[in-house]
């Protein structure tokens, strides 16, 4: 009679390999996909991982000018004018919205108060501005973001991060009641 243990060992190894391979394939799409977005999960503690320090840098520079004077040299004036750089900071939190995960912050953080033009005597100078927004997430690193929507009346600004860095916090559809847990997250100076 032949030893049946010798035949069952390769069969068991093959079966175990097949099970392990099929289990590992179940997680591959999430790990490979670059567009994977964490889902909204119920939280039992403060959403510290969803907090972001919003750092805004506005760079404004003169782009053109006009004057009623005939001997006025616009190119010379523009070459002498420096760029205006303004910084702002505020706090934000990654929330779930109809357009996906966005960082909600105050509109006054996102708002650029540099005008589109400047007039002095008979000279009119046009100004162009660029904005760079960086989300500094203490638990994950830094990410760039862009303004999606701003409501100045409600003082709200929504920013779309380049990467969703954690599970977004769901917003309540109801006003808080006595006894509800409410988080107020703010640290504009870090």
C-alpha atoms as a PDB file:
ATOM      1  CA  UNK A   1       0.000   0.000   0.000  1.00  0.00           C
ATOM      2  CA  UNK A   2       1.302   3.416  -0.886  1.00  0.00           C
ATOM      3  CA  UNK A   3       1.618   6.294   1.571  1.00  0.00           C
ATOM      4  CA  UNK A   4      -1.379   8.635   0.999  1.00  0.00           C
ATOM      5  CA  UNK A   5       0.205  11.376   3.144  1.00  0.00           C
ATOM      6  CA  UNK A   6       2.743  12.099   0.415  1.00  0.00           C
ATOM      7  CA  UNK A   7      -0.030  12.786  -2.127  1.00  0.00           C
ATOM      8  CA  UNK A   8      -2.158  14.970   0.192  1.00  0.00           C
ATOM      9  CA  UNK A   9       0.667  17.346   1.173  1.00  0.00           C
ATOM     10  CA  UNK A  10       1.015  18.898  -2.339  1.00  0.00           C
ATOM     11  CA  UNK A  11      -2.783  19.042  -2.564  1.00  0.00           C
ATOM     12  CA  UNK A  12      -3.006  20.888   0.775  1.00  0.00           C
ATOM     13  CA  UNK A  13      -0.233  23.312  -0.255  1.00  0.00           C
ATOM     14  CA  UNK A  14      -2.018  24.031  -3.549  1.00  0.00           C
ATOM     15  CA  UNK A  15      -5.338  24.585  -1.784  1.00  0.00           C
ATOM     16  CA  UNK A  16      -3.773  26.918   0.827  1.00  0.00           C
ATOM     17  CA  UNK A  17      -1.993  28.888  -1.937  1.00  0.00           C
ATOM     18  CA  UNK A  18      -5.231  29.282  -3.880  1.00  0.00           C
ATOM     19  CA  UNK A  19      -7.073  30.556  -0.794  1.00  0.00           C
ATOM     20  CA  UNK A  20      -4.303  33.024   0.083  1.00  0.00           C
ATOM     21  CA  UNK A  21      -4.066  34.253  -3.509  1.00  0.00           C
ATOM     22  CA  UNK A  22      -7.819  34.817  -3.753  1.00  0.00           C
ATOM     23  CA  UNK A  23      -7.831  36.690  -0.420  1.00  0.00           C
ATOM     24  CA  UNK A  24      -4.963  38.932  -1.520  1.00  0.00           C
ATOM     25  CA  UNK A  25      -6.708  39.691  -4.827  1.00  0.00           C
ATOM     26  CA  UNK A  26      -9.723  40.995  -2.958  1.00  0.00           C
ATOM     27  CA  UNK A  27      -7.666  43.881  -1.559  1.00  0.00           C
ATOM     28  CA  UNK A  28      -5.614  44.622  -4.684  1.00  0.00           C
ATOM     29  CA  UNK A  29      -8.013  47.113  -6.370  1.00  0.00           C
ATOM     30  CA  UNK A  30      -8.118  49.349  -3.282  1.00  0.00           C
ATOM     31  CA  UNK A  31      -4.337  49.290  -2.940  1.00  0.00           C
ATOM     32  CA  UNK A  32      -3.576  49.814  -6.630  1.00  0.00           C
ATOM     33  CA  UNK A  33      -6.190  52.438  -7.466  1.00  0.00           C
ATOM     34  CA  UNK A  34      -4.887  56.003  -7.301  1.00  0.00           C
ATOM     35  CA  UNK A  35      -8.424  57.353  -7.122  1.00  0.00           C
ATOM     36  CA  UNK A  36      -9.432  55.476  -4.003  1.00  0.00           C
ATOM     37  CA  UNK A  37     -11.342  57.791  -1.685  1.00  0.00           C
ATOM     38  CA  UNK A  38     -11.898  56.856   1.941  1.00  0.00           C
ATOM     39  CA  UNK A  39     -15.551  56.427   2.775  1.00  0.00           C
ATOM     40  CA  UNK A  40     -17.399  58.335   5.465  1.00  0.00           C
ATOM     41  CA  UNK A  41     -17.243  56.281   8.643  1.00  0.00           C
ATOM     42  CA  UNK A  42     -18.999  56.844  11.942  1.00  0.00           C
ATOM     43  CA  UNK A  43     -16.598  58.436  14.389  1.00  0.00           C
ATOM     44  CA  UNK A  44     -16.411  57.779  18.108  1.00  0.00           C
ATOM     45  CA  UNK A  45     -13.742  60.379  18.846  1.00  0.00           C
ATOM     46  CA  UNK A  46     -12.756  63.869  17.707  1.00  0.00           C
ATOM     47  CA  UNK A  47     -11.894  63.950  13.965  1.00  0.00           C
ATOM     48  CA  UNK A  48      -8.316  65.098  14.539  1.00  0.00           C
ATOM     49  CA  UNK A  49      -7.109  63.340  11.374  1.00  0.00           C
ATOM     50  CA  UNK A  50      -9.528  65.457   9.268  1.00  0.00           C
ATOM     51  CA  UNK A  51      -8.144  68.782  10.574  1.00  0.00           C
ATOM     52  CA  UNK A  52      -6.045  70.957   8.249  1.00  0.00           C
ATOM     53  CA  UNK A  53      -4.238  74.241   8.654  1.00  0.00           C
ATOM     54  CA  UNK A  54      -5.106  76.222   5.513  1.00  0.00           C
ATOM     55  CA  UNK A  55      -2.184  78.356   4.280  1.00  0.00           C
ATOM     56  CA  UNK A  56      -2.982  80.802   1.467  1.00  0.00           C
ATOM     57  CA  UNK A  57      -0.433  82.751  -0.589  1.00  0.00           C
ATOM     58  CA  UNK A  58      -1.612  85.457  -2.986  1.00  0.00           C
ATOM     59  CA  UNK A  59       0.840  86.899  -5.470  1.00  0.00           C
ATOM     60  CA  UNK A  60      -0.343  90.029  -7.298  1.00  0.00           C
ATOM     61  CA  UNK A  61       1.597  91.836  -9.973  1.00  0.00           C
ATOM     62  CA  UNK A  62       0.918  94.756 -12.344  1.00  0.00           C
ATOM     63  CA  UNK A  63       0.039  93.676 -15.871  1.00  0.00           C
ATOM     64  CA  UNK A  64      -0.776  96.899 -17.683  1.00  0.00           C
ATOM     65  CA  UNK A  65      -1.310 100.621 -17.336  1.00  0.00           C
ATOM     66  CA  UNK A  66      -2.886 103.618 -18.990  1.00  0.00           C
ATOM     67  CA  UNK A  67      -2.392 107.338 -18.632  1.00  0.00           C
ATOM     68  CA  UNK A  68      -3.646 110.525 -20.244  1.00  0.00           C
ATOM     69  CA  UNK A  69      -0.119 111.994 -20.288  1.00  0.00           C
ATOM     70  CA  UNK A  70       1.604 111.738 -23.670  1.00  0.00           C
ATOM     71  CA  UNK A  71       5.164 111.293 -22.355  1.00  0.00           C
ATOM     72  CA  UNK A  72       4.148 108.537 -19.922  1.00  0.00           C
ATOM     73  CA  UNK A  73       6.201 105.310 -20.223  1.00  0.00           C
ATOM     74  CA  UNK A  74       4.040 102.358 -19.112  1.00  0.00           C
ATOM     75  CA  UNK A  75       6.725  99.676 -19.592  1.00  0.00           C
ATOM     76  CA  UNK A  76       9.183 101.590 -17.408  1.00  0.00           C
ATOM     77  CA  UNK A  77       6.615 102.003 -14.626  1.00  0.00           C
ATOM     78  CA  UNK A  78       5.646  98.312 -14.729  1.00  0.00           C
ATOM     79  CA  UNK A  79       9.296  97.238 -14.506  1.00  0.00           C
ATOM     80  CA  UNK A  80       9.734  99.313 -11.319  1.00  0.00           C
ATOM     81  CA  UNK A  81       6.628  98.042  -9.520  1.00  0.00           C
ATOM     82  CA  UNK A  82       7.161  95.012  -7.273  1.00  0.00           C
ATOM     83  CA  UNK A  83       4.855  92.037  -6.893  1.00  0.00           C
ATOM     84  CA  UNK A  84       2.577  92.161  -3.872  1.00  0.00           C
ATOM     85  CA  UNK A  85       2.622  88.978  -1.805  1.00  0.00           C
ATOM     86  CA  UNK A  86      -0.022  88.400   0.859  1.00  0.00           C
ATOM     87  CA  UNK A  87      -0.403  85.440   3.213  1.00  0.00           C
ATOM     88  CA  UNK A  88      -3.340  84.121   5.163  1.00  0.00           C
ATOM     89  CA  UNK A  89      -4.012  81.164   7.418  1.00  0.00           C
ATOM     90  CA  UNK A  90      -7.038  79.510   8.905  1.00  0.00           C
ATOM     91  CA  UNK A  91      -8.343  76.193  10.084  1.00  0.00           C
ATOM     92  CA  UNK A  92     -10.294  73.704   8.018  1.00  0.00           C
ATOM     93  CA  UNK A  93     -11.797  70.253   8.210  1.00  0.00           C
ATOM     94  CA  UNK A  94     -12.299  67.560   5.570  1.00  0.00           C
ATOM     95  CA  UNK A  95     -16.055  67.042   5.163  1.00  0.00           C
ATOM     96  CA  UNK A  96     -18.280  64.954   2.943  1.00  0.00           C
ATOM     97  CA  UNK A  97     -20.286  66.942   0.386  1.00  0.00           C
ATOM     98  CA  UNK A  98     -22.345  66.445  -2.768  1.00  0.00           C
ATOM     99  CA  UNK A  99     -19.169  67.015  -4.841  1.00  0.00           C
ATOM    100  CA  UNK A 100     -17.041  64.625  -2.771  1.00  0.00           C
ATOM    101  CA  UNK A 101     -14.553  65.247  -0.004  1.00  0.00           C
ATOM    102  CA  UNK A 102     -13.753  68.956   0.460  1.00  0.00           C
ATOM    103  CA  UNK A 103     -12.045  71.026   3.138  1.00  0.00           C
ATOM    104  CA  UNK A 104     -14.425  73.530   4.694  1.00  0.00           C
ATOM    105  CA  UNK A 105     -12.919  76.752   6.014  1.00  0.00           C
ATOM    106  CA  UNK A 106     -13.949  80.403   6.391  1.00  0.00           C
ATOM    107  CA  UNK A 107     -14.422  82.586   3.304  1.00  0.00           C
ATOM    108  CA  UNK A 108     -12.243  85.312   4.818  1.00  0.00           C
ATOM    109  CA  UNK A 109      -9.358  82.789   4.708  1.00  0.00           C
ATOM    110  CA  UNK A 110      -9.805  82.228   0.954  1.00  0.00           C
ATOM    111  CA  UNK A 111     -10.745  85.787   0.019  1.00  0.00           C
ATOM    112  CA  UNK A 112      -8.328  87.986  -1.889  1.00  0.00           C
ATOM    113  CA  UNK A 113      -8.805  91.648  -1.004  1.00  0.00           C
ATOM    114  CA  UNK A 114      -6.301  92.936  -3.575  1.00  0.00           C
ATOM    115  CA  UNK A 115      -8.203  94.922  -6.243  1.00  0.00           C
ATOM    116  CA  UNK A 116      -8.069  94.189  -9.987  1.00  0.00           C
ATOM    117  CA  UNK A 117      -6.912  97.721 -10.706  1.00  0.00           C
ATOM    118  CA  UNK A 118      -5.342 100.706  -8.989  1.00  0.00           C
ATOM    119  CA  UNK A 119      -5.810 104.349  -9.934  1.00  0.00           C
ATOM    120  CA  UNK A 120      -3.582 107.240  -8.944  1.00  0.00           C
ATOM    121  CA  UNK A 121      -4.014 110.708 -10.429  1.00  0.00           C
ATOM    122  CA  UNK A 122      -4.319 110.025 -14.166  1.00  0.00           C
ATOM    123  CA  UNK A 123      -2.632 106.581 -14.111  1.00  0.00           C
ATOM    124  CA  UNK A 124      -4.628 103.355 -14.116  1.00  0.00           C
ATOM    125  CA  UNK A 125      -2.755 100.102 -13.380  1.00  0.00           C
ATOM    126  CA  UNK A 126      -4.307  96.669 -13.891  1.00  0.00           C
ATOM    127  CA  UNK A 127      -3.372  93.966 -11.396  1.00  0.00           C
ATOM    128  CA  UNK A 128      -3.424  90.197 -11.869  1.00  0.00           C
ATOM    129  CA  UNK A 129      -3.364  87.780  -8.914  1.00  0.00           C
ATOM    130  CA  UNK A 130      -2.562  84.123  -8.443  1.00  0.00           C
ATOM    131  CA  UNK A 131      -3.383  82.022  -5.405  1.00  0.00           C
ATOM    132  CA  UNK A 132      -1.633  78.988  -3.938  1.00  0.00           C
ATOM    133  CA  UNK A 133      -3.434  77.104  -1.193  1.00  0.00           C
ATOM    134  CA  UNK A 134      -1.658  74.493   0.904  1.00  0.00           C
ATOM    135  CA  UNK A 135      -3.359  72.213   3.410  1.00  0.00           C
ATOM    136  CA  UNK A 136      -1.016  71.341   6.254  1.00  0.00           C
ATOM    137  CA  UNK A 137      -2.393  68.147   7.817  1.00  0.00           C
ATOM    138  CA  UNK A 138      -0.500  67.386  11.057  1.00  0.00           C
ATOM    139  CA  UNK A 139      -1.088  63.631  10.812  1.00  0.00           C
ATOM    140  CA  UNK A 140      -0.508  63.203   7.042  1.00  0.00           C
ATOM    141  CA  UNK A 141       1.617  65.972   5.455  1.00  0.00           C
ATOM    142  CA  UNK A 142       0.958  68.848   3.045  1.00  0.00           C
ATOM    143  CA  UNK A 143      -1.446  68.925   0.086  1.00  0.00           C
ATOM    144  CA  UNK A 144      -2.333  71.554  -2.482  1.00  0.00           C
ATOM    145  CA  UNK A 145      -5.959  72.606  -2.872  1.00  0.00           C
ATOM    146  CA  UNK A 146      -8.110  74.847  -5.039  1.00  0.00           C
ATOM    147  CA  UNK A 147     -11.197  76.904  -4.289  1.00  0.00           C
ATOM    148  CA  UNK A 148     -14.395  75.128  -5.336  1.00  0.00           C
ATOM    149  CA  UNK A 149     -17.022  77.451  -3.905  1.00  0.00           C
ATOM    150  CA  UNK A 150     -17.162  80.509  -1.666  1.00  0.00           C
ATOM    151  CA  UNK A 151     -20.124  82.047   0.188  1.00  0.00           C
ATOM    152  CA  UNK A 152     -19.099  85.415   1.619  1.00  0.00           C
ATOM    153  CA  UNK A 153     -22.452  85.971   3.377  1.00  0.00           C
ATOM    154  CA  UNK A 154     -22.129  82.748   5.386  1.00  0.00           C
ATOM    155  CA  UNK A 155     -18.315  83.118   5.582  1.00  0.00           C
ATOM    156  CA  UNK A 156     -17.710  79.638   4.138  1.00  0.00           C
ATOM    157  CA  UNK A 157     -15.189  78.412   1.586  1.00  0.00           C
ATOM    158  CA  UNK A 158     -14.877  74.901   0.127  1.00  0.00           C
ATOM    159  CA  UNK A 159     -11.471  73.687  -1.027  1.00  0.00           C
ATOM    160  CA  UNK A 160     -10.813  70.611  -3.173  1.00  0.00           C
ATOM    161  CA  UNK A 161      -7.594  68.883  -2.039  1.00  0.00           C
ATOM    162  CA  UNK A 162      -5.369  67.132  -4.578  1.00  0.00           C
ATOM    163  CA  UNK A 163      -5.507  64.038  -2.359  1.00  0.00           C
ATOM    164  CA  UNK A 164      -8.182  62.894   0.058  1.00  0.00           C
ATOM    165  CA  UNK A 165      -6.021  62.348   3.130  1.00  0.00           C
ATOM    166  CA  UNK A 166      -8.517  60.634   5.473  1.00  0.00           C
ATOM    167  CA  UNK A 167     -12.160  59.718   5.926  1.00  0.00           C
ATOM    168  CA  UNK A 168     -14.260  62.897   5.521  1.00  0.00           C
ATOM    169  CA  UNK A 169     -16.462  63.986   8.406  1.00  0.00           C
ATOM    170  CA  UNK A 170     -20.197  63.824   7.648  1.00  0.00           C
ATOM    171  CA  UNK A 171     -22.118  67.045   8.199  1.00  0.00           C
ATOM    172  CA  UNK A 172     -25.250  66.883  10.300  1.00  0.00           C
ATOM    173  CA  UNK A 173     -28.506  67.632   8.548  1.00  0.00           C
ATOM    174  CA  UNK A 174     -30.037  68.823  11.832  1.00  0.00           C
ATOM    175  CA  UNK A 175     -29.158  71.536  14.318  1.00  0.00           C
ATOM    176  CA  UNK A 176     -27.498  70.247  17.497  1.00  0.00           C
ATOM    177  CA  UNK A 177     -29.667  69.527  20.503  1.00  0.00           C
ATOM    178  CA  UNK A 178     -28.819  69.722  24.170  1.00  0.00           C
ATOM    179  CA  UNK A 179     -26.534  66.783  24.950  1.00  0.00           C
ATOM    180  CA  UNK A 180     -25.252  66.264  21.379  1.00  0.00           C
ATOM    181  CA  UNK A 181     -21.502  66.002  20.862  1.00  0.00           C
ATOM    182  CA  UNK A 182     -20.237  68.947  18.799  1.00  0.00           C
ATOM    183  CA  UNK A 183     -16.630  69.554  17.737  1.00  0.00           C
ATOM    184  CA  UNK A 184     -15.259  73.030  17.231  1.00  0.00           C
ATOM    185  CA  UNK A 185     -11.921  72.842  15.477  1.00  0.00           C
ATOM    186  CA  UNK A 186      -9.810  75.937  15.024  1.00  0.00           C
ATOM    187  CA  UNK A 187      -6.140  76.767  15.220  1.00  0.00           C
ATOM    188  CA  UNK A 188      -5.308  79.464  12.664  1.00  0.00           C
ATOM    189  CA  UNK A 189      -1.780  79.883  14.028  1.00  0.00           C
ATOM    190  CA  UNK A 190      -0.980  76.187  14.269  1.00  0.00           C
END
